[in-house]
C-alpha atoms as a PDB file:
ATOM      1  CA  MET A   1     -66.635 130.428  67.166  1.00  0.00           C
ATOM      2  CA  ARG A   2     -68.894 127.443  68.286  1.00  0.00           C
ATOM      3  CA  ARG A   3     -69.459 126.724  64.518  1.00  0.00           C
ATOM      4  CA  PHE A   4     -65.637 126.951  63.843  1.00  0.00           C
ATOM      5  CA  LEU A   5     -65.023 124.532  66.663  1.00  0.00           C
ATOM      6  CA  ILE A   6     -67.714 122.007  65.579  1.00  0.00           C
ATOM      7  CA  LEU A   7     -65.861 122.272  62.031  1.00  0.00           C
ATOM      8  CA  LEU A   8     -62.586 121.778  63.505  1.00  0.00           C
ATOM      9  CA  CYS A   9     -63.853 118.248  65.617  1.00  0.00           C
ATOM     10  CA  LEU A  10     -65.275 117.130  62.409  1.00  0.00           C
ATOM     11  CA  MET A  11     -62.172 117.680  60.341  1.00  0.00           C
ATOM     12  CA  ALA A  12     -60.381 115.924  63.203  1.00  0.00           C
ATOM     13  CA  CYS A  13     -62.454 113.190  63.008  1.00  0.00           C
ATOM     14  CA  ARG A  14     -62.144 112.644  59.304  1.00  0.00           C
ATOM     15  CA  GLY A  15     -58.458 113.042  59.822  1.00  0.00           C
ATOM     16  CA  GLY A  16     -58.552 110.367  62.167  1.00  0.00           C
ATOM     17  CA  PHE A  17     -60.580 108.156  59.909  1.00  0.00           C
ATOM     18  CA  VAL A  18     -57.683 108.326  57.074  1.00  0.00           C
ATOM     19  CA  PHE A  19     -54.941 107.220  59.538  1.00  0.00           C
ATOM     20  CA  ALA A  20     -57.128 105.117  60.736  1.00  0.00           C
ATOM     21  CA  LEU A  21     -57.108 102.865  57.385  1.00  0.00           C
ATOM     22  CA  GLY A  22     -55.980  99.339  58.066  1.00  0.00           C
ATOM     23  CA  PRO A  23     -53.774  96.837  55.649  1.00  0.00           C
ATOM     24  CA  MET A  24     -55.664  95.532  53.069  1.00  0.00           C
ATOM     25  CA  ASP A  25     -54.662  91.764  51.747  1.00  0.00           C
ATOM     26  CA  LEU A  26     -53.235  91.543  48.566  1.00  0.00           C
ATOM     27  CA  ALA A  27     -51.804  87.765  48.969  1.00  0.00           C
ATOM     28  CA  GLU A  28     -51.259  85.155  51.273  1.00  0.00           C
ATOM     29  CA  ASN A  29     -49.888  82.033  50.081  1.00  0.00           C
ATOM     30  CA  THR A  30     -47.938  79.019  50.440  1.00  0.00           C
ATOM     31  CA  LEU A  31     -45.064  79.346  48.055  1.00  0.00           C
ATOM     32  CA  LYS A  32     -42.813  76.531  46.858  1.00  0.00           C
ATOM     33  CA  VAL A  33     -39.780  77.347  45.227  1.00  0.00           C
ATOM     34  CA  SER A  34     -37.786  74.530  43.504  1.00  0.00           C
ATOM     35  CA  GLU A  35     -34.315  73.655  43.671  1.00  0.00           C
ATOM     36  CA  HIS A  36     -32.300  76.147  41.402  1.00  0.00           C
ATOM     37  CA  GLY A  37     -35.405  77.880  40.431  1.00  0.00           C
ATOM     38  CA  GLU A  38     -37.297  81.033  41.320  1.00  0.00           C
ATOM     39  CA  GLN A  39     -40.918  82.772  41.461  1.00  0.00           C
ATOM     40  CA  MET A  40     -42.051  85.905  40.783  1.00  0.00           C
ATOM     41  CA  PHE A  41     -45.240  88.097  41.651  1.00  0.00           C
ATOM     42  CA  TYR A  42     -46.630  91.567  40.621  1.00  0.00           C
ATOM     43  CA  TYR A  43     -48.438  93.982  42.344  1.00  0.00           C
ATOM     44  CA  GLY A  44     -49.652  97.659  41.812  1.00  0.00           C
ATOM     45  CA  PHE A  45     -49.138 100.197  44.363  1.00  0.00           C
ATOM     46  CA  ALA A  46     -50.597 103.856  44.674  1.00  0.00           C
ATOM     47  CA  ALA A  47     -48.289 106.700  45.569  1.00  0.00           C
ATOM     48  CA  GLY A  48     -48.119 107.349  49.592  1.00  0.00           C
ATOM     49  CA  ASP A  49     -49.259 103.761  50.094  1.00  0.00           C
ATOM     50  CA  GLN A  50     -47.260 101.567  52.296  1.00  0.00           C
ATOM     51  CA  LEU A  51     -46.263  97.945  51.432  1.00  0.00           C
ATOM     52  CA  VAL A  52     -46.316  95.460  54.233  1.00  0.00           C
ATOM     53  CA  PHE A  53     -44.648  92.273  53.608  1.00  0.00           C
ATOM     54  CA  SER A  54     -43.939  89.188  55.874  1.00  0.00           C
ATOM     55  CA  PHE A  55     -42.008  85.819  55.084  1.00  0.00           C
ATOM     56  CA  LYS A  56     -41.904  82.557  56.874  1.00  0.00           C
ATOM     57  CA  ALA A  57     -39.410  79.421  55.578  1.00  0.00           C
ATOM     58  CA  VAL A  58     -41.630  76.539  56.689  1.00  0.00           C
ATOM     59  CA  LYS A  59     -39.911  73.552  54.818  1.00  0.00           C
ATOM     60  CA  GLY A  60     -36.131  73.210  53.138  1.00  0.00           C
ATOM     61  CA  GLY A  61     -34.426  75.823  55.223  1.00  0.00           C
ATOM     62  CA  ALA A  62     -33.796  79.596  54.588  1.00  0.00           C
ATOM     63  CA  LEU A  63     -34.689  80.850  51.039  1.00  0.00           C
ATOM     64  CA  THR A  64     -31.144  81.735  49.368  1.00  0.00           C
ATOM     65  CA  GLU A  65     -32.584  85.355  47.927  1.00  0.00           C
ATOM     66  CA  LEU A  66     -35.601  87.428  48.376  1.00  0.00           C
ATOM     67  CA  GLU A  67     -35.973  90.751  46.690  1.00  0.00           C
ATOM     68  CA  ILE A  68     -38.821  93.695  46.302  1.00  0.00           C
ATOM     69  CA  SER A  69     -38.258  95.891  43.501  1.00  0.00           C
ATOM     70  CA  GLU A  70     -40.011  98.704  41.610  1.00  0.00           C
ATOM     71  CA  LEU A  71     -39.968  98.141  38.088  1.00  0.00           C
ATOM     72  CA  PRO A  72     -38.282  98.490  35.854  1.00  0.00           C
ATOM     73  CA  THR A  73     -35.078  98.107  37.653  1.00  0.00           C
ATOM     74  CA  SER A  74     -34.881 100.132  41.347  1.00  0.00           C
ATOM     75  CA  ALA A  75     -34.468  97.436  44.054  1.00  0.00           C
ATOM     76  CA  SER A  76     -36.513  98.619  47.324  1.00  0.00           C
ATOM     77  CA  PHE A  77     -35.517  95.679  49.354  1.00  0.00           C
ATOM     78  CA  MET A  78     -33.056  92.643  49.375  1.00  0.00           C
ATOM     79  CA  ASP A  79     -32.236  90.101  51.810  1.00  0.00           C
ATOM     80  CA  TYR A  80     -30.351  86.687  51.915  1.00  0.00           C
ATOM     81  CA  ASN A  81     -30.753  83.590  53.289  1.00  0.00           C
ATOM     82  CA  VAL A  82     -34.240  84.383  54.872  1.00  0.00           C
ATOM     83  CA  LYS A  83     -36.057  82.473  57.450  1.00  0.00           C
ATOM     84  CA  LYS A  84     -38.742  84.976  58.483  1.00  0.00           C
ATOM     85  CA  LEU A  85     -39.686  88.249  58.197  1.00  0.00           C
ATOM     86  CA  GLU A  86     -42.506  89.934  60.193  1.00  0.00           C
ATOM     87  CA  ASN A  87     -44.538  93.209  58.646  1.00  0.00           C
ATOM     88  CA  LYS A  88     -41.587  94.663  56.552  1.00  0.00           C
ATOM     89  CA  THR A  89     -43.020  98.142  55.758  1.00  0.00           C
ATOM     90  CA  LEU A  90     -41.810  99.714  52.470  1.00  0.00           C
ATOM     91  CA  ARG A  91     -43.453 103.587  51.893  1.00  0.00           C
ATOM     92  CA  ILE A  92     -44.118 103.941  48.123  1.00  0.00           C
ATOM     93  CA  PRO A  93     -43.195 107.295  46.748  1.00  0.00           C
ATOM     94  CA  ARG A  94     -44.984 107.173  43.615  1.00  0.00           C
ATOM     95  CA  THR A  95     -47.373 104.854  41.574  1.00  0.00           C
ATOM     96  CA  GLY A  96     -45.995 102.016  40.080  1.00  0.00           C
ATOM     97  CA  ILE A  97     -45.758  98.041  39.477  1.00  0.00           C
ATOM     98  CA  TYR A  98     -43.367  96.122  42.234  1.00  0.00           C
ATOM     99  CA  LYS A  99     -41.968  92.694  41.555  1.00  0.00           C
ATOM    100  CA  PHE A 100     -41.545  90.076  44.437  1.00  0.00           C
ATOM    101  CA  ARG A 101     -38.979  87.662  43.444  1.00  0.00           C
ATOM    102  CA  PHE A 102     -38.184  84.562  45.357  1.00  0.00           C
ATOM    103  CA  SER A 103     -34.927  82.527  44.461  1.00  0.00           C
ATOM    104  CA  ASN A 104     -33.580  79.248  45.710  1.00  0.00           C
ATOM    105  CA  THR A 105     -29.884  78.129  44.531  1.00  0.00           C
ATOM    106  CA  THR A 106     -29.829  75.094  46.656  1.00  0.00           C
ATOM    107  CA  ASN A 107     -30.210  71.606  45.623  1.00  0.00           C
ATOM    108  CA  SER A 108     -33.677  71.262  47.392  1.00  0.00           C
ATOM    109  CA  ASP A 109     -37.163  72.629  47.332  1.00  0.00           C
ATOM    110  CA  LYS A 110     -37.948  75.346  49.426  1.00  0.00           C
ATOM    111  CA  VAL A 111     -41.579  75.908  50.954  1.00  0.00           C
ATOM    112  CA  CYS A 112     -42.918  79.290  52.556  1.00  0.00           C
ATOM    113  CA  ASN A 113     -45.554  81.517  53.428  1.00  0.00           C
ATOM    114  CA  ILE A 114     -45.611  84.800  52.451  1.00  0.00           C
ATOM    115  CA  LYS A 115     -48.202  87.785  52.823  1.00  0.00           C
ATOM    116  CA  ILE A 116     -48.286  90.978  51.037  1.00  0.00           C
ATOM    117  CA  GLN A 117     -50.362  94.009  51.983  1.00  0.00           C
ATOM    118  CA  ARG A 118     -50.865  97.589  51.455  1.00  0.00           C
ATOM    119  CA  ILE A 119     -52.100 100.457  53.401  1.00  0.00           C
ATOM    120  CA  PRO A 120     -53.648 102.992  51.190  1.00  0.00           C
ATOM    121  CA  ALA A 121     -52.531 106.688  51.905  1.00  0.00           C
ATOM    122  CA  GLY A 122     -56.052 107.827  51.897  1.00  0.00           C
ATOM    123  CA  PRO A 123     -59.834 107.462  50.796  1.00  0.00           C
ATOM    124  CA  ALA A 124     -58.709 108.363  47.256  1.00  0.00           C
ATOM    125  CA  THR A 125     -56.634 105.218  46.628  1.00  0.00           C
ATOM    126  CA  VAL A 126     -58.831 102.528  48.972  1.00  0.00           C
ATOM    127  CA  ASP A 127     -60.222 101.332  45.603  1.00  0.00           C
ATOM    128  CA  PHE A 128     -56.962 101.206  43.863  1.00  0.00           C
ATOM    129  CA  ASN A 129     -56.718  98.106  41.503  1.00  0.00           C
ATOM    130  CA  SER A 130     -53.388  96.473  42.560  1.00  0.00           C
ATOM    131  CA  SER A 131     -53.621  93.942  39.586  1.00  0.00           C
ATOM    132  CA  VAL A 132     -51.006  93.721  37.011  1.00  0.00           C
ATOM    133  CA  TYR A 133     -51.988  93.164  33.492  1.00  0.00           C
ATOM    134  CA  TRP A 134     -49.648  92.268  30.446  1.00  0.00           C
ATOM    135  CA  HIS A 135     -49.759  93.135  26.809  1.00  0.00           C
ATOM    136  CA  THR A 136     -47.378  92.589  23.978  1.00  0.00           C
ATOM    137  CA  VAL A 137     -44.969  95.191  23.112  1.00  0.00           C
ATOM    138  CA  GLN A 138     -43.301  95.115  19.638  1.00  0.00           C
ATOM    139  CA  ASP A 139     -39.527  97.067  19.313  1.00  0.00           C
ATOM    140  CA  THR A 140     -38.468  97.655  16.070  1.00  0.00           C
ATOM    141  CA  VAL A 141     -34.779  98.568  15.396  1.00  0.00           C
ATOM    142  CA  TYR A 142     -32.722  98.873  12.185  1.00  0.00           C
ATOM    143  CA  LEU A 143     -29.414  96.939  12.393  1.00  0.00           C
ATOM    144  CA  PRO A 144     -26.524  97.590  10.177  1.00  0.00           C
ATOM    145  CA  SER A 145     -25.502  95.045   7.468  1.00  0.00           C
ATOM    146  CA  GLN A 146     -23.677  94.434   4.738  1.00  0.00           C
ATOM    147  CA  GLU A 147     -25.014  93.394   1.484  1.00  0.00           C
ATOM    148  CA  LYS A 148     -22.818  91.371  -1.229  1.00  0.00           C
ATOM    149  CA  TYR A 149     -23.998  92.491  -4.605  1.00  0.00           C
ATOM    150  CA  LEU A 150     -23.244  91.671  -8.428  1.00  0.00           C
ATOM    151  CA  MET A 151     -21.720  95.057  -9.915  1.00  0.00           C
ATOM    152  CA  ARG A 152     -20.565  93.614 -13.344  1.00  0.00           C
ATOM    153  CA  ARG A 153     -20.943  90.817 -15.176  1.00  0.00           C
ATOM    154  CA  ASP A 154     -18.730  90.128 -18.125  1.00  0.00           C
ATOM    155  CA  THR A 155     -19.222  87.916 -21.119  1.00  0.00           C
ATOM    156  CA  MET A 156     -16.381  86.624 -23.393  1.00  0.00           C
ATOM    157  CA  ALA A 157     -15.440  84.269 -26.274  1.00  0.00           C
ATOM    158  CA  GLN A 158     -11.979  82.727 -25.440  1.00  0.00           C
ATOM    159  CA  THR A 159     -10.126  80.267 -27.938  1.00  0.00           C
ATOM    160  CA  LEU A 160      -8.722  77.709 -26.275  1.00  0.00           C
ATOM    161  CA  VAL A 161      -7.202  75.568 -29.328  1.00  0.00           C
ATOM    162  CA  GLU A 162      -6.855  76.578 -33.050  1.00  0.00           C
ATOM    163  CA  ARG A 163      -4.272  74.223 -34.899  1.00  0.00           C
ATOM    164  CA  VAL A 164      -3.844  71.745 -37.451  1.00  0.00           C
ATOM    165  CA  THR A 165      -2.134  68.593 -36.444  1.00  0.00           C
ATOM    166  CA  LYS A 166      -0.745  65.940 -38.567  1.00  0.00           C
ATOM    167  CA  ILE A 167      -1.197  62.422 -37.674  1.00  0.00           C
ATOM    168  CA  GLY A 168       0.840  59.545 -39.257  1.00  0.00           C
ATOM    169  CA  SER A 169      -0.771  56.231 -41.047  1.00  0.00           C
ATOM    170  CA  SER A 170      -1.345  52.844 -38.739  1.00  0.00           C
ATOM    171  CA  ASN A 171       1.362  51.115 -40.860  1.00  0.00           C
ATOM    172  CA  ILE A 172       4.005  50.259 -38.388  1.00  0.00           C
ATOM    173  CA  ILE A 173       6.836  50.536 -41.375  1.00  0.00           C
ATOM    174  CA  SER A 174       6.126  54.188 -41.768  1.00  0.00           C
ATOM    175  CA  GLY A 175       7.746  54.462 -38.321  1.00  0.00           C
ATOM    176  CA  THR A 176       5.199  57.449 -37.204  1.00  0.00           C
ATOM    177  CA  GLY A 177       2.424  57.089 -34.849  1.00  0.00           C
ATOM    178  CA  ASN A 178      -1.024  57.190 -35.929  1.00  0.00           C
ATOM    179  CA  LYS A 179      -2.402  59.092 -32.728  1.00  0.00           C
ATOM    180  CA  ASP A 180      -1.987  62.731 -31.382  1.00  0.00           C
ATOM    181  CA  LEU A 181      -3.166  63.888 -27.996  1.00  0.00           C
ATOM    182  CA  ILE A 182      -3.945  67.537 -27.473  1.00  0.00           C
ATOM    183  CA  ASP A 183      -4.855  68.918 -24.290  1.00  0.00           C
ATOM    184  CA  PHE A 184      -6.485  72.199 -22.720  1.00  0.00           C
ATOM    185  CA  THR A 185      -7.656  73.810 -19.788  1.00  0.00           C
ATOM    186  CA  LEU A 186     -11.184  75.121 -19.393  1.00  0.00           C
ATOM    187  CA  PRO A 187     -10.912  78.929 -17.811  1.00  0.00           C
ATOM    188  CA  ARG A 188     -12.652  79.549 -14.400  1.00  0.00           C
ATOM    189  CA  GLY A 189     -16.110  80.848 -15.204  1.00  0.00           C
ATOM    190  CA  THR A 190     -16.606  78.561 -18.219  1.00  0.00           C
ATOM    191  CA  VAL A 191     -20.472  78.054 -18.759  1.00  0.00           C
ATOM    192  CA  SER A 192     -20.207  76.400 -22.207  1.00  0.00           C
ATOM    193  CA  TRP A 193     -17.566  75.340 -24.976  1.00  0.00           C
ATOM    194  CA  SER A 194     -17.441  74.112 -28.445  1.00  0.00           C
ATOM    195  CA  TYR A 195     -15.345  71.970 -30.786  1.00  0.00           C
ATOM    196  CA  TYR A 196     -14.511  71.595 -34.276  1.00  0.00           C
ATOM    197  CA  ILE A 197     -12.723  68.888 -35.562  1.00  0.00           C
ATOM    198  CA  GLY A 198     -12.158  68.501 -39.708  1.00  0.00           C
ATOM    199  CA  VAL A 199      -9.865  66.245 -41.747  1.00  0.00           C
ATOM    200  CA  GLY A 200      -7.770  67.282 -44.879  1.00  0.00           C
ATOM    201  CA  SER A 201      -8.109  70.472 -46.889  1.00  0.00           C
ATOM    202  CA  GLU A 202     -11.776  69.874 -46.931  1.00  0.00           C
ATOM    203  CA  GLY A 203     -12.232  70.227 -43.351  1.00  0.00           C
ATOM    204  CA  GLN A 204      -9.812  73.159 -43.144  1.00  0.00           C
ATOM    205  CA  LYS A 205     -11.916  74.858 -45.925  1.00  0.00           C
ATOM    206  CA  ALA A 206     -15.215  74.536 -44.319  1.00  0.00           C
ATOM    207  CA  PHE A 207     -13.923  75.739 -40.891  1.00  0.00           C
ATOM    208  CA  SER A 208     -12.436  78.815 -42.823  1.00  0.00           C
ATOM    209  CA  LYS A 209     -15.437  79.279 -44.768  1.00  0.00           C
ATOM    210  CA  ALA A 210     -17.912  79.225 -41.757  1.00  0.00           C
ATOM    211  CA  LYS A 211     -15.706  81.533 -39.984  1.00  0.00           C
ATOM    212  CA  SER A 212     -15.304  84.295 -42.729  1.00  0.00           C
ATOM    213  CA  GLY A 213     -18.967  83.828 -43.416  1.00  0.00           C
ATOM    214  CA  PHE A 214     -20.108  84.507 -39.904  1.00  0.00           C
ATOM    215  CA  PHE A 215     -17.850  87.608 -39.596  1.00  0.00           C
ATOM    216  CA  ASN A 216     -19.985  89.260 -42.220  1.00  0.00           C
ATOM    217  CA  SER A 217     -23.167  88.072 -40.510  1.00  0.00           C
ATOM    218  CA  ALA A 218     -25.848  90.389 -38.904  1.00  0.00           C
ATOM    219  CA  ALA A 219     -25.307  88.214 -35.745  1.00  0.00           C
ATOM    220  CA  ALA A 220     -21.838  89.089 -35.459  1.00  0.00           C
ATOM    221  CA  THR A 221     -22.100  92.697 -36.096  1.00  0.00           C
ATOM    222  CA  ALA A 222     -24.814  92.936 -33.533  1.00  0.00           C
ATOM    223  CA  SER A 223     -23.075  91.045 -30.650  1.00  0.00           C
ATOM    224  CA  HIS A 224     -20.964  92.930 -28.029  1.00  0.00           C
ATOM    225  CA  ILE A 225     -19.417  90.066 -26.559  1.00  0.00           C
ATOM    226  CA  PRO A 226     -15.350  90.197 -27.398  1.00  0.00           C
ATOM    227  CA  GLY A 227     -14.058  86.871 -29.618  1.00  0.00           C
ATOM    228  CA  TYR A 228     -17.463  86.579 -30.681  1.00  0.00           C
ATOM    229  CA  GLY A 229     -17.639  84.494 -33.850  1.00  0.00           C
ATOM    230  CA  THR A 230     -18.509  80.741 -35.499  1.00  0.00           C
ATOM    231  CA  MET A 231     -17.098  79.078 -32.390  1.00  0.00           C
ATOM    232  CA  ALA A 232     -18.946  81.297 -29.850  1.00  0.00           C
ATOM    233  CA  ALA A 233     -21.914  81.281 -31.284  1.00  0.00           C
ATOM    234  CA  LEU A 234     -21.757  77.492 -31.337  1.00  0.00           C
ATOM    235  CA  ALA A 235     -20.666  77.447 -27.768  1.00  0.00           C
ATOM    236  CA  LEU A 236     -23.100  80.207 -26.391  1.00  0.00           C
ATOM    237  CA  TYR A 237     -26.273  79.090 -28.636  1.00  0.00           C
ATOM    238  CA  GLY A 238     -25.669  75.909 -30.160  1.00  0.00           C
ATOM    239  CA  PHE A 239     -25.709  77.501 -33.629  1.00  0.00           C
ATOM    240  CA  ASN A 240     -23.942  75.159 -36.049  1.00  0.00           C
ATOM    241  CA  ALA A 241     -22.854  77.081 -39.034  1.00  0.00           C
ATOM    242  CA  PHE A 242     -20.251  74.518 -40.225  1.00  0.00           C
ATOM    243  CA  SER A 243     -21.379  72.497 -43.335  1.00  0.00           C
ATOM    244  CA  LEU A 244     -20.445  68.728 -43.700  1.00  0.00           C
ATOM    245  CA  ILE A 245     -17.786  67.682 -45.940  1.00  0.00           C
ATOM    246  CA  GLN A 246     -17.100  64.826 -48.263  1.00  0.00           C
ATOM    247  CA  GLY A 247     -14.322  62.920 -48.494  1.00  0.00           C
ATOM    248  CA  GLU A 248     -12.563  59.609 -48.022  1.00  0.00           C
ATOM    249  CA  ASP A 249     -10.235  60.364 -44.885  1.00  0.00           C
ATOM    250  CA  ASN A 250     -11.632  60.079 -41.550  1.00  0.00           C
ATOM    251  CA  VAL A 251     -10.357  60.604 -38.092  1.00  0.00           C
ATOM    252  CA  LYS A 252     -11.454  58.860 -34.704  1.00  0.00           C
ATOM    253  CA  PHE A 253     -11.799  61.147 -31.424  1.00  0.00           C
ATOM    254  CA  TRP A 254     -12.138  60.497 -27.854  1.00  0.00           C
ATOM    255  CA  PHE A 255     -12.731  63.512 -25.051  1.00  0.00           C
ATOM    256  CA  MET A 256     -11.360  62.583 -21.843  1.00  0.00           C
ATOM    257  CA  ASP A 257     -11.536  64.505 -18.528  1.00  0.00           C
ATOM    258  CA  ASN A 258      -8.120  63.127 -16.802  1.00  0.00           C
ATOM    259  CA  GLU A 259      -4.606  62.331 -17.206  1.00  0.00           C
ATOM    260  CA  THR A 260      -4.756  58.932 -16.150  1.00  0.00           C
ATOM    261  CA  ASN A 261      -7.385  58.075 -19.394  1.00  0.00           C
ATOM    262  CA  ALA A 262      -5.116  59.792 -21.726  1.00  0.00           C
ATOM    263  CA  SER A 263      -2.066  58.163 -20.760  1.00  0.00           C
ATOM    264  CA  MET A 264      -4.292  54.850 -21.260  1.00  0.00           C
ATOM    265  CA  PHE A 265      -5.164  56.126 -24.745  1.00  0.00           C
ATOM    266  CA  LYS A 266      -1.658  56.918 -25.536  1.00  0.00           C
ATOM    267  CA  TYR A 267      -0.264  53.502 -24.822  1.00  0.00           C
ATOM    268  CA  GLY A 268      -3.104  51.743 -26.442  1.00  0.00           C
ATOM    269  CA  LYS A 269      -4.897  50.514 -23.058  1.00  0.00           C
ATOM    270  CA  LYS A 270      -8.537  50.627 -22.477  1.00  0.00           C
ATOM    271  CA  PHE A 271      -9.555  54.161 -21.064  1.00  0.00           C
ATOM    272  CA  ARG A 272     -12.758  56.293 -20.797  1.00  0.00           C
ATOM    273  CA  CYS A 273     -14.198  59.384 -22.346  1.00  0.00           C
ATOM    274  CA  PHE A 274     -17.287  61.327 -22.195  1.00  0.00           C
ATOM    275  CA  LYS A 275     -17.429  61.908 -25.923  1.00  0.00           C
ATOM    276  CA  GLN A 276     -16.285  60.304 -28.788  1.00  0.00           C
ATOM    277  CA  GLY A 277     -16.873  59.977 -32.898  1.00  0.00           C
ATOM    278  CA  ASP A 278     -15.608  58.772 -36.267  1.00  0.00           C
ATOM    279  CA  VAL A 279     -15.988  61.502 -38.620  1.00  0.00           C
ATOM    280  CA  LEU A 280     -14.798  63.550 -41.729  1.00  0.00           C
ATOM    281  CA  ASN A 281     -15.483  66.867 -39.707  1.00  0.00           C
ATOM    282  CA  ASP A 282     -17.726  67.546 -36.681  1.00  0.00           C
ATOM    283  CA  ALA A 283     -18.868  70.339 -34.338  1.00  0.00           C
ATOM    284  CA  ALA A 284     -20.757  70.402 -31.420  1.00  0.00           C
ATOM    285  CA  GLN A 285     -21.606  72.459 -28.229  1.00  0.00           C
ATOM    286  CA  MET A 286     -20.676  71.300 -24.882  1.00  0.00           C
ATOM    287  CA  LYS A 287     -22.564  71.961 -21.391  1.00  0.00           C
ATOM    288  CA  LYS A 288     -20.249  69.798 -19.454  1.00  0.00           C
ATOM    289  CA  PRO A 289     -17.406  69.418 -18.163  1.00  0.00           C
ATOM    290  CA  LEU A 290     -16.949  73.034 -17.331  1.00  0.00           C
ATOM    291  CA  ALA A 291     -14.009  72.844 -15.036  1.00  0.00           C
ATOM    292  CA  GLY A 292     -10.529  71.359 -15.360  1.00  0.00           C
ATOM    293  CA  LYS A 293      -7.943  69.830 -18.175  1.00  0.00           C
ATOM    294  CA  ILE A 294      -9.431  68.052 -21.194  1.00  0.00           C
ATOM    295  CA  TYR A 295      -7.820  65.693 -23.394  1.00  0.00           C
ATOM    296  CA  LEU A 296      -8.477  65.137 -26.943  1.00  0.00           C
ATOM    297  CA  GLY A 297      -7.389  61.877 -28.507  1.00  0.00           C
ATOM    298  CA  LEU A 298      -7.072  61.677 -32.356  1.00  0.00           C
ATOM    299  CA  LEU A 299      -6.460  58.336 -34.049  1.00  0.00           C
ATOM    300  CA  ASN A 300      -5.946  57.718 -38.065  1.00  0.00           C
ATOM    301  CA  ASP A 301      -6.959  54.375 -38.727  1.00  0.00           C
ATOM    302  CA  ASN A 302      -5.878  54.823 -42.676  1.00  0.00           C
ATOM    303  CA  LEU A 303      -2.931  51.946 -43.265  1.00  0.00           C
ATOM    304  CA  ILE A 304      -1.333  54.206 -45.663  1.00  0.00           C
ATOM    305  CA  GLU A 305      -1.910  57.897 -45.682  1.00  0.00           C
ATOM    306  CA  SER A 306      -1.334  60.563 -43.015  1.00  0.00           C
ATOM    307  CA  ILE A 307      -4.029  63.112 -42.372  1.00  0.00           C
ATOM    308  CA  ASN A 308      -4.131  66.727 -41.433  1.00  0.00           C
ATOM    309  CA  VAL A 309      -6.633  67.446 -38.966  1.00  0.00           C
ATOM    310  CA  THR A 310      -8.010  70.889 -37.996  1.00  0.00           C
ATOM    311  CA  VAL A 311      -8.815  71.418 -34.457  1.00  0.00           C
ATOM    312  CA  SER A 312     -10.371  74.450 -32.657  1.00  0.00           C
ATOM    313  CA  VAL A 313     -11.934  74.610 -29.184  1.00  0.00           C
ATOM    314  CA  THR A 314     -13.657  77.961 -27.767  1.00  0.00           C
ATOM    315  CA  ALA A 315     -14.770  78.393 -24.377  1.00  0.00           C
ATOM    316  CA  ILE A 316     -17.458  81.171 -23.159  1.00  0.00           C
ATOM    317  CA  VAL A 317     -16.128  82.553 -19.900  1.00  0.00           C
ATOM    318  CA  VAL A 318     -18.250  84.620 -17.776  1.00  0.00           C
ATOM    319  CA  THR A 319     -16.811  86.805 -14.816  1.00  0.00           C
ATOM    320  CA  GLU A 320     -18.501  88.393 -12.064  1.00  0.00           C
ATOM    321  CA  GLN A 321     -17.409  91.503 -10.203  1.00  0.00           C
ATOM    322  CA  ASN A 322     -19.076  91.594  -6.787  1.00  0.00           C
ATOM    323  CA  SER A 323     -18.866  94.356  -4.306  1.00  0.00           C
ATOM    324  CA  VAL A 324     -20.389  95.046  -0.984  1.00  0.00           C
ATOM    325  CA  ARG A 325     -22.920  98.009   0.063  1.00  0.00           C
ATOM    326  CA  ASN A 326     -24.067  98.905   3.978  1.00  0.00           C
ATOM    327  CA  ASN A 327     -27.777  98.467   4.487  1.00  0.00           C
ATOM    328  CA  LYS A 328     -29.954  98.468   7.397  1.00  0.00           C
ATOM    329  CA  VAL A 329     -32.192  95.573   8.406  1.00  0.00           C
ATOM    330  CA  MET A 330     -35.244  95.949  10.347  1.00  0.00           C
ATOM    331  CA  SER A 331     -35.515  93.898  13.217  1.00  0.00           C
ATOM    332  CA  ILE A 332     -38.770  93.271  15.217  1.00  0.00           C
ATOM    333  CA  THR A 333     -38.629  91.889  18.733  1.00  0.00           C
ATOM    334  CA  SER A 334     -41.861  91.286  21.151  1.00  0.00           C
ATOM    335  CA  ARG A 335     -41.719  91.449  24.790  1.00  0.00           C
ATOM    336  CA  LYS A 336     -44.557  91.279  27.348  1.00  0.00           C
ATOM    337  CA  GLU A 337     -44.949  94.522  29.504  1.00  0.00           C
ATOM    338  CA  PRO A 338     -46.655  94.987  32.590  1.00  0.00           C
ATOM    339  CA  TYR A 339     -49.293  97.871  33.285  1.00  0.00           C
ATOM    340  CA  LEU A 340     -51.814  98.943  35.609  1.00  0.00           C
ATOM    341  CA  LYS A 341     -55.642  99.643  34.643  1.00  0.00           C
ATOM    342  CA  ASN A 342     -55.859 102.493  37.288  1.00  0.00           C
END
């Protein structure tokens, strides 16, 4: 019985020691909170601890807002227009990190004294480390997005002009004009184009011969481009299958890219062009311009004879068909996260 009483006394003494644990200082600072600013501090507490907080505004008047909250979002205490708090005590239900937020929404600085203490729940948590550490955490999310992609690309050869035009002599007595103006519009998606100009029957024969000869060639058979032929090969690859002719008749030509210059040509005034020549026959690949209306001016400088001119123009047109598919794009964001080392 005596031993039991001695043991009971020892337990009571030990218990008295536990409840006699005093507050431990975590922070005792003079704090300045700038106008329209805020300050935050973080400390860790063990389950069963008591948080003791004191506050006093010493300059600039009351603080607009004071908040103590358990991370991540649980508010434990909040007060407004605070001038003084003495030993505000909060019981800590579970081990965690607490944020102390001091907010000033006025136009003047605030200076305050703060004191933060913890009363351990027992000997086991006396050495609890209240320091808060930070590490970087990366969050990966997949966001829905739409991607535009090329579903199909089609290439075709399109004949824009193929004709024989008669141009009178430059003799005024004949009563016929010695000029002709041919226009054509380059289709949308034109990537290149070609022309052939040939004078008289020889010029027409050279055009027909090159055209028929190409259709029987291996290159024409192997191509899958609709409308592929001599003019298309010239427009697409610069391959010139036309032979030069011999003769006495010639034609002068000018390519123009606007109606104003075409009108000036028609009325015999000065004009601008992007290509010109004086030929019996001629063929070339054109890389520009690739859009808009084009004018071809032809002039016969023969004083007596009219001439027939074979003109052919072919454009290579590429059309694209696009579509949209749904994708997910990975997005990685970084954030700082607090933690305790206990």
